[in-house]
Protein backbone atom coordinates (compact mmCIF):
# COMPACT_ATOMS: atom_id res chain seq x y z
CA UNK A 1 44.04 47.90 105.59
CA UNK A 2 45.22 51.25 106.15
CA UNK A 3 43.20 52.60 103.40
CA UNK A 4 39.99 50.94 104.80
CA UNK A 5 40.66 52.55 108.13
CA UNK A 6 41.05 55.78 106.52
CA UNK A 7 38.13 55.52 104.54
CA UNK A 8 35.91 54.58 107.58
CA UNK A 9 37.30 57.17 109.63
CA UNK A 10 36.59 59.70 106.91
CA UNK A 11 32.78 59.18 107.20
CA UNK A 12 30.65 60.40 110.23
CA UNK A 13 29.42 57.89 112.52
CA UNK A 14 25.82 58.94 111.81
CA UNK A 15 26.51 58.22 107.79
CA UNK A 16 27.95 54.60 108.90
CA UNK A 17 24.69 54.01 110.77
CA UNK A 18 22.40 54.94 107.73
CA UNK A 19 24.67 52.77 105.63
CA UNK A 20 24.21 49.78 107.93
CA UNK A 21 20.44 50.51 108.50
CA UNK A 22 19.60 50.76 104.68
CA UNK A 23 21.46 47.36 104.40
CA UNK A 24 19.04 45.68 107.07
CA UNK A 25 15.88 47.69 106.20
CA UNK A 26 16.23 46.65 102.55
CA UNK A 27 16.98 42.96 103.59
CA UNK A 28 13.50 42.78 105.44
CA UNK A 29 11.87 44.95 103.06
CA UNK A 30 12.72 42.84 100.10
CA UNK A 31 11.16 39.78 101.76
CA UNK A 32 7.95 41.45 102.13
CA UNK A 33 7.32 44.57 99.52
CA UNK A 34 8.02 42.40 96.30
CA UNK A 35 5.54 39.81 97.29
CA UNK A 36 2.76 42.17 98.32
CA UNK A 37 0.82 41.34 95.10
CA UNK A 38 0.89 37.79 95.83
CA UNK A 39 -0.33 38.04 99.58
CA UNK A 40 -2.93 40.49 98.34
CA UNK A 41 -4.04 37.96 95.98
CA UNK A 42 -4.34 35.22 98.50
CA UNK A 43 -5.66 37.07 101.32
CA UNK A 44 -8.30 39.11 99.24
CA UNK A 45 -10.86 38.82 96.34
CA UNK A 46 -9.28 41.91 94.39
CA UNK A 47 -8.53 41.57 90.76
CA UNK A 48 -4.80 41.94 89.35
CA UNK A 49 -5.64 45.30 88.22
CA UNK A 50 -7.08 46.57 91.47
CA UNK A 51 -4.05 45.04 93.45
CA UNK A 52 -1.82 46.84 90.80
CA UNK A 53 -3.75 50.27 91.64
CA UNK A 54 -3.01 49.70 95.38
CA UNK A 55 0.33 48.93 95.06
CA UNK A 56 0.96 51.83 92.40
CA UNK A 57 -0.29 54.26 94.74
CA UNK A 58 2.50 54.08 97.11
CA UNK A 59 5.14 55.31 94.42
CA UNK A 60 2.43 57.86 92.85
CA UNK A 61 2.30 59.53 96.53
CA UNK A 62 6.08 59.39 96.80
CA UNK A 63 6.42 61.51 93.86
CA UNK A 64 4.85 64.00 95.75
CA UNK A 65 6.72 62.96 99.06
CA UNK A 66 10.11 63.50 97.42
CA UNK A 67 9.34 67.13 96.80
CA UNK A 68 7.83 67.76 100.29
CA UNK A 69 10.55 66.07 102.33
CA UNK A 70 13.31 68.39 101.82
CA UNK A 71 11.79 71.33 102.28
CA UNK A 72 10.34 70.25 105.50
CA UNK A 73 13.59 68.91 106.78
CA UNK A 74 15.14 72.38 106.13
CA UNK A 75 12.19 73.99 108.21
CA UNK A 76 11.94 71.50 111.11
CA UNK A 77 15.35 69.70 111.04
CA UNK A 78 16.56 66.29 109.63
CA UNK A 79 16.25 63.86 112.48
CA UNK A 80 12.75 64.82 113.30
CA UNK A 81 11.48 64.13 109.96
CA UNK A 82 13.43 61.00 109.31
CA UNK A 83 12.41 59.43 112.81
CA UNK A 84 8.41 60.40 111.76
CA UNK A 85 8.97 58.77 108.45
CA UNK A 86 10.34 55.66 109.64
CA UNK A 87 7.55 55.36 112.45
CA UNK A 88 4.99 55.90 109.57
CA UNK A 89 6.57 53.10 107.53
CA UNK A 90 6.63 50.87 110.69
CA UNK A 91 2.84 51.52 110.96
CA UNK A 92 2.20 50.91 106.91
CA UNK A 93 3.83 47.82 106.86
CA UNK A 94 2.26 46.24 109.85
CA UNK A 95 -1.02 47.52 108.43
CA UNK A 96 -0.98 45.38 105.38
CA UNK A 97 -1.16 42.59 107.74
CA UNK A 98 -3.83 43.61 109.95
CA UNK A 99 -6.81 44.46 107.24
CA UNK A 100 -7.95 43.25 103.90
CA UNK A 101 -10.25 46.39 103.26
CA UNK A 102 -9.26 47.79 99.91
CA UNK A 103 -9.75 51.04 100.72
CA UNK A 104 -7.80 50.94 103.97
CA UNK A 105 -5.04 49.19 101.97
CA UNK A 106 -5.10 51.98 99.52
CA UNK A 107 -4.49 54.39 102.13
CA UNK A 108 -1.67 52.20 103.85
CA UNK A 109 -0.09 52.06 100.57
CA UNK A 110 -0.12 55.86 99.95
CA UNK A 111 1.37 56.37 103.52
CA UNK A 112 4.27 54.01 102.83
CA UNK A 113 4.94 55.78 99.58
CA UNK A 114 4.98 59.25 101.46
CA UNK A 115 6.97 57.99 104.17
CA UNK A 116 9.47 56.24 102.22
CA UNK A 117 10.11 59.28 99.65
CA UNK A 118 10.44 61.48 102.77
CA UNK A 119 13.05 59.18 104.28
CA UNK A 120 14.99 58.76 101.15
CA UNK A 121 15.23 62.59 100.63
CA UNK A 122 16.06 63.59 104.08
CA UNK A 123 18.70 60.72 104.63
CA UNK A 124 20.43 61.91 101.63
CA UNK A 125 20.23 65.43 102.67
CA UNK A 126 21.68 64.44 105.99
CA UNK A 127 24.59 62.34 104.52
CA UNK A 128 25.44 65.32 102.32
CA UNK A 129 25.31 67.54 105.56
CA UNK A 130 27.91 65.45 106.98
CA UNK A 131 29.89 64.52 104.30
CA UNK A 132 32.87 66.94 102.64
CA UNK A 133 31.60 67.80 99.09
CA UNK A 134 34.29 65.93 97.46
CA UNK A 135 33.39 62.71 99.04
CA UNK A 136 29.69 62.86 98.59
CA UNK A 137 29.60 60.89 95.20
CA UNK A 138 31.34 57.92 97.02
CA UNK A 139 28.82 58.33 99.86
CA UNK A 140 25.67 58.09 97.38
CA UNK A 141 27.38 55.28 95.39
CA UNK A 142 27.87 53.40 98.56
CA UNK A 143 24.21 53.88 99.40
CA UNK A 144 23.07 52.60 96.13
CA UNK A 145 25.41 49.67 96.82
CA UNK A 146 23.68 48.90 100.56
CA UNK A 147 20.13 49.00 98.84
CA UNK A 148 21.30 46.64 96.44
CA UNK A 149 23.02 44.63 99.00
CA UNK A 150 19.87 44.03 100.99
CA UNK A 151 18.08 43.34 98.00
CA UNK A 152 20.33 40.65 96.83
CA UNK A 153 20.27 38.94 100.00
CA UNK A 154 16.62 39.47 101.38
CA UNK A 155 14.59 37.40 98.88
CA UNK A 156 16.76 34.36 98.95
CA UNK A 157 16.97 34.30 102.78
CA UNK A 158 13.42 34.74 103.01
CA UNK A 159 12.67 31.77 100.48
CA UNK A 160 15.29 29.61 102.19
CA UNK A 161 13.40 30.35 105.64
CA UNK A 162 10.10 29.84 104.07
CA UNK A 163 8.83 33.34 105.20
CA UNK A 164 9.19 35.29 101.94
CA UNK A 165 5.94 37.13 101.37
CA UNK A 166 4.38 35.99 104.68
CA UNK A 167 2.68 38.20 106.89
CA UNK A 168 5.53 37.99 109.36
CA UNK A 169 8.06 39.38 107.09
CA UNK A 170 5.83 42.76 106.90
CA UNK A 171 5.63 42.65 110.72
CA UNK A 172 9.38 41.96 110.90
CA UNK A 173 10.04 44.83 108.30
CA UNK A 174 7.87 47.16 110.83
CA UNK A 175 10.06 46.02 113.63
CA UNK A 176 13.15 46.83 111.75
CA UNK A 177 12.24 50.27 110.93
CA UNK A 178 11.30 50.90 114.69
CA UNK A 179 14.78 49.41 115.69
CA UNK A 180 16.27 51.67 113.24
CA UNK A 181 14.62 54.67 114.22
CA UNK A 182 15.58 54.21 118.04
CA UNK A 183 19.21 53.68 117.11
CA UNK A 184 19.21 56.65 114.90
CA UNK A 185 17.51 58.76 117.54
CA UNK A 186 20.34 58.05 120.09
CA UNK A 187 23.26 58.47 117.50
CA UNK A 188 22.08 61.98 116.50
CA UNK A 189 21.26 63.03 119.84
CA UNK A 190 24.91 61.78 120.76
CA UNK A 191 26.52 63.63 118.02
CA UNK A 192 24.25 66.35 117.94
CA UNK A 193 23.34 66.29 114.27
CA UNK A 194 20.07 66.47 112.48
CA UNK A 195 18.25 69.04 114.89
CA UNK A 196 18.94 72.45 113.53
CA UNK A 197 16.97 73.46 110.56
CA UNK A 198 18.74 73.65 107.40
CA UNK A 199 19.73 76.86 105.46
CA UNK A 200 16.70 77.49 103.08
CA UNK A 201 18.10 76.83 99.75
CA UNK A 202 15.99 76.83 96.67
CA UNK A 203 14.01 73.74 96.50
CA UNK A 204 11.89 72.11 94.00
CA UNK A 205 8.26 72.88 93.95
CA UNK A 206 5.56 71.32 92.01
CA UNK A 207 4.47 74.61 90.57
CA UNK A 208 7.88 75.35 89.46
CA UNK A 209 8.03 71.75 87.96
CA UNK A 210 5.10 72.44 85.84
CA UNK A 211 6.53 75.60 84.47
CA UNK A 212 10.10 74.20 83.78
CA UNK A 213 8.30 71.19 81.97
CA UNK A 214 6.65 73.43 79.84
CA UNK A 215 9.50 75.37 78.97
CA UNK A 216 12.02 73.09 78.29
CA UNK A 217 11.05 70.84 75.60
CA UNK A 218 14.18 68.68 75.82
CA UNK A 219 13.59 68.10 79.62
CA UNK A 220 9.86 67.15 78.43
CA UNK A 221 11.07 64.70 76.29
CA UNK A 222 13.41 62.92 78.62
CA UNK A 223 10.85 63.01 81.36
CA UNK A 224 8.09 61.39 78.92
CA UNK A 225 10.95 58.68 77.85
CA UNK A 226 11.36 58.27 81.59
CA UNK A 227 7.81 57.80 82.27
CA UNK A 228 7.58 54.65 79.74
CA UNK A 229 10.81 53.30 81.10
CA UNK A 230 9.93 53.35 84.76
CA UNK A 231 6.20 51.97 83.61
CA UNK A 232 8.09 49.02 82.04
CA UNK A 233 10.18 48.44 85.44
CA UNK A 234 7.45 49.17 87.71
CA UNK A 235 5.22 46.32 86.25
CA UNK A 236 8.00 43.87 86.51
CA UNK A 237 8.02 42.96 90.12
CA UNK A 238 4.24 43.21 90.61
CA UNK A 239 2.80 41.67 87.84
CA UNK A 240 5.87 39.14 87.00
CA UNK A 241 5.19 37.74 90.51
CA UNK A 242 1.46 37.21 90.09
CA UNK A 243 2.36 35.61 86.56
CA UNK A 244 4.82 33.25 87.82
CA UNK A 245 2.57 32.47 90.84
CA UNK A 246 -0.33 31.34 88.45
CA UNK A 247 1.54 29.73 85.80
CA UNK A 248 5.18 28.30 86.94
CA UNK A 249 5.31 25.44 89.48
CA UNK A 250 6.95 26.73 92.55
CA UNK A 251 6.36 30.34 91.05
CA UNK A 252 6.91 32.21 94.21
CA UNK A 253 10.46 30.67 94.99
CA UNK A 254 11.44 31.45 91.41
CA UNK A 255 10.37 34.99 91.83
CA UNK A 256 12.51 34.88 95.12
CA UNK A 257 15.48 33.68 93.11
CA UNK A 258 15.10 36.22 90.03
CA UNK A 259 14.91 39.31 92.75
CA UNK A 260 17.98 37.93 94.38
CA UNK A 261 19.66 37.34 90.86
CA UNK A 262 18.60 41.21 89.62
CA UNK A 263 20.33 42.51 93.03
CA UNK A 264 23.78 40.22 92.74
CA UNK A 265 23.82 41.24 89.16
CA UNK A 266 24.07 44.95 90.02
CA UNK A 267 26.51 44.21 92.72
CA UNK A 268 28.88 42.03 90.44
CA UNK A 269 28.62 43.92 87.14
CA UNK A 270 27.53 47.55 87.75
CA UNK A 271 31.43 48.85 88.09
CA UNK A 272 32.97 46.94 85.11
CA UNK A 273 29.85 47.56 82.94
CA UNK A 274 29.59 51.32 83.74
CA UNK A 275 33.30 51.71 83.07
CA UNK A 276 33.02 49.92 79.75
CA UNK A 277 30.06 52.07 78.87
CA UNK A 278 32.02 55.26 79.33
CA UNK A 279 33.41 55.05 75.96
CA UNK A 280 29.89 55.57 74.40
CA UNK A 281 27.95 58.61 74.23
CA UNK A 282 24.82 59.12 76.53
CA UNK A 283 22.47 58.47 74.06
CA UNK A 284 24.06 55.16 72.91
CA UNK A 285 24.36 54.00 76.46
CA UNK A 286 20.45 54.52 76.70
CA UNK A 287 19.77 52.61 73.39
CA UNK A 288 21.78 49.80 74.63
CA UNK A 289 20.16 49.97 78.18
CA UNK A 290 16.56 49.76 76.39
CA UNK A 291 17.03 47.20 74.08
CA UNK A 292 18.72 44.61 76.85
CA UNK A 293 15.83 45.83 79.13
CA UNK A 294 13.09 44.76 76.14
CA UNK A 295 14.95 41.81 75.26
CA UNK A 296 14.50 40.89 78.92
CA UNK A 297 10.76 41.21 78.42
CA UNK A 298 10.67 39.18 75.51
CA UNK A 299 12.77 36.61 77.40
CA UNK A 300 9.94 36.75 79.91
CA UNK A 301 7.27 36.28 77.65
CA UNK A 302 8.66 33.12 76.07
CA UNK A 303 10.04 31.52 78.97
CA UNK A 304 8.84 28.25 80.64
CA UNK A 305 11.77 26.83 82.59
CA UNK A 306 13.54 28.75 85.54
CA UNK A 307 16.90 28.73 83.74
CA UNK A 308 15.24 30.77 80.94
CA UNK A 309 13.56 33.11 83.43
CA UNK A 310 16.80 33.58 85.12
CA UNK A 311 18.65 34.56 81.98
CA UNK A 312 16.10 36.94 80.87
CA UNK A 313 16.26 38.73 84.38
CA UNK A 314 19.86 39.01 83.94
CA UNK A 315 19.58 40.58 80.54
CA UNK A 316 16.93 42.81 81.67
CA UNK A 317 19.27 43.98 84.79
CA UNK A 318 22.16 44.50 82.38
CA UNK A 319 19.80 47.04 80.74
CA UNK A 320 18.75 48.53 84.06
CA UNK A 321 22.58 49.03 84.97
CA UNK A 322 23.30 51.12 81.52
CA UNK A 323 20.21 53.28 81.96
CA UNK A 324 20.02 54.45 85.47
CA UNK A 325 23.36 56.36 85.43
CA UNK A 326 22.88 57.68 81.86
CA UNK A 327 19.34 59.14 82.61
CA UNK A 328 20.87 60.95 85.73
CA UNK A 329 23.89 62.14 83.47
CA UNK A 330 21.49 63.42 80.48
CA UNK A 331 19.70 65.46 82.80
CA UNK A 332 22.78 67.10 84.48
CA UNK A 333 23.95 68.02 80.93
CA UNK A 334 20.97 69.78 80.01
CA UNK A 335 20.41 71.44 83.46
CA UNK A 336 21.68 75.18 84.13
CA UNK A 337 23.74 75.21 87.04
CA UNK A 338 21.74 77.38 89.12
CA UNK A 339 18.46 74.98 88.35
CA UNK A 340 19.92 71.44 88.62
CA UNK A 341 18.00 70.88 91.81
CA UNK A 342 14.82 72.03 89.96
CA UNK A 343 15.65 69.79 86.85
CA UNK A 344 16.30 66.70 89.01
CA UNK A 345 13.37 67.33 90.72
CA UNK A 346 11.37 67.64 87.36
CA UNK A 347 12.82 63.82 86.44
CA UNK A 348 11.01 62.75 89.41
CA UNK A 349 7.66 62.88 87.81
CA UNK A 350 9.00 59.72 85.62
CA UNK A 351 8.07 58.01 88.86
CA UNK A 352 4.48 58.27 87.48
CA UNK A 353 5.48 54.98 85.53
CA UNK A 354 5.77 53.35 89.18
CA UNK A 355 1.76 53.56 89.21
CA UNK A 356 0.93 53.16 85.38
CA UNK A 357 2.99 49.90 85.31
CA UNK A 358 1.13 47.74 87.93
CA UNK A 359 -2.11 49.26 87.02
CA UNK A 360 -1.84 48.70 83.27
CA UNK A 361 0.24 45.57 83.62
CA UNK A 362 -2.30 44.17 85.69
CA UNK A 363 -5.04 44.90 83.34
CA UNK A 364 -3.30 43.47 80.44
CA UNK A 365 -2.47 40.27 82.41
CA UNK A 366 -6.11 39.81 83.51
CA UNK A 367 -7.13 40.20 79.72
CA UNK A 368 -4.72 38.69 77.75
CA UNK A 369 -2.34 36.86 79.69
CA UNK A 370 1.28 37.01 80.71
CA UNK A 371 3.08 37.00 77.21
CA UNK A 372 1.10 39.83 75.70
CA UNK A 373 1.84 41.64 78.82
CA UNK A 374 5.52 41.15 78.62
CA UNK A 375 5.59 41.94 74.57
CA UNK A 376 3.76 45.35 75.33
CA UNK A 377 6.11 46.15 78.00
CA UNK A 378 8.84 45.32 75.74
CA UNK A 379 7.50 47.77 73.01
CA UNK A 380 7.04 50.69 75.45
CA UNK A 381 10.70 50.46 76.38
CA UNK A 382 11.54 50.79 72.81
CA UNK A 383 9.26 53.30 72.22
CA UNK A 384 10.98 55.34 74.93
CA UNK A 385 13.97 55.83 72.71
CA UNK A 386 11.77 58.03 70.54
CA UNK A 387 11.38 60.38 73.09
CA UNK A 388 15.02 60.16 74.28
CA UNK A 389 15.92 60.42 70.42
CA UNK A 390 13.93 63.62 69.98
CA UNK A 391 15.30 65.21 73.12
CA UNK A 392 18.77 64.53 72.14
CA UNK A 393 18.13 65.90 68.89
CA UNK A 394 16.41 69.07 70.21
CA UNK A 395 19.45 69.49 72.65
CA UNK A 396 22.25 69.24 70.03
CA UNK A 397 20.39 71.70 67.87
CA UNK A 398 20.14 73.98 70.62
CA UNK A 399 24.10 73.68 71.50
CA UNK A 400 24.82 74.21 67.97
CA UNK A 401 22.75 77.38 67.37
CA UNK A 402 24.26 78.97 70.60
CA UNK A 403 27.89 77.86 69.39
CA UNK A 404 27.34 79.37 65.81
CA UNK A 405 28.33 83.09 65.50
CA UNK A 406 25.68 85.49 64.96
CA UNK A 407 25.49 86.63 61.41
CA UNK A 408 25.48 90.16 60.76
CA UNK A 409 22.61 91.89 59.03
């Protein structure tokens, strides 16, 4: 109990609020956003591919928003940009309910993607500002845990209450953001944090990203592998939900359960599986994670019953647990100390897959059906290993070349 009190006291009150707010925002968001494809298919005449473009445009915009967020918060202060981003997200979530015009829905998705990326980047920066360096890793780990906690409870709660994917959940998410923004504004003012512009430091810039990608082939291979994996993961929730709705009895309820299973699996197994995987090399962790993710996709393709879909989701999630930390560790390993931020920023280009996945997955689903779509995604996951393997091989050759003595003459 004393240790718990010490751990609580060691963190700034604003950090505690950001953690708690993350849980509740993710809880309501997980009742709404994963079901957006279903809602749009029921309330509009859009095809699965068109719905995929609209939903995928958000992460595509967020790819740019992540770069801009940190720079703008340094110039104008963390609090102002966080509050603005939460107000914009409230407008975006409410906007999905009040219109069925494809162009406005597309703009709405882009707005949500930009605002979400701003908030994610700036909130992490503020947590870093308020946390001693030796405790930041635990704070960010707790933030990831808070996200998964919200996502593990939300879909199941929404299904139990009978509101998952309804227009009400989108309005509820908007109201949660407004409430969170009000509380955060009050607490930041009370403790006088987040107003002063940060110290200008080297920030990732789009032009510099492309220069880095063009110069470092190892990084380019890792980013291309990441694009393929994010494509597989990005289509999972969007096209899987449509497939279940159209082909499985009570498919929307099953999708809710699967999303909760995904979050609960992360909560229960992330720590033990990560500890076990530490005995393996980074590339072997990637291989294991990719094969598990591909096996999950194959499981989706041949599943007919609830139980088999849930088992496939557990397998898919185990792959996700292995892949996420290994990807970050690989980038950290190859990045020069003075350019670590730039390398992590370059890795963000893999978010392109969150656009390609819903778009390509929607086209394959429309033309060839769900089983073919899932098998194609399994193949893409395996193909990503070609790029990761090439990057790993080039990096090891480079290290051997640097380590070998320069021969005379």
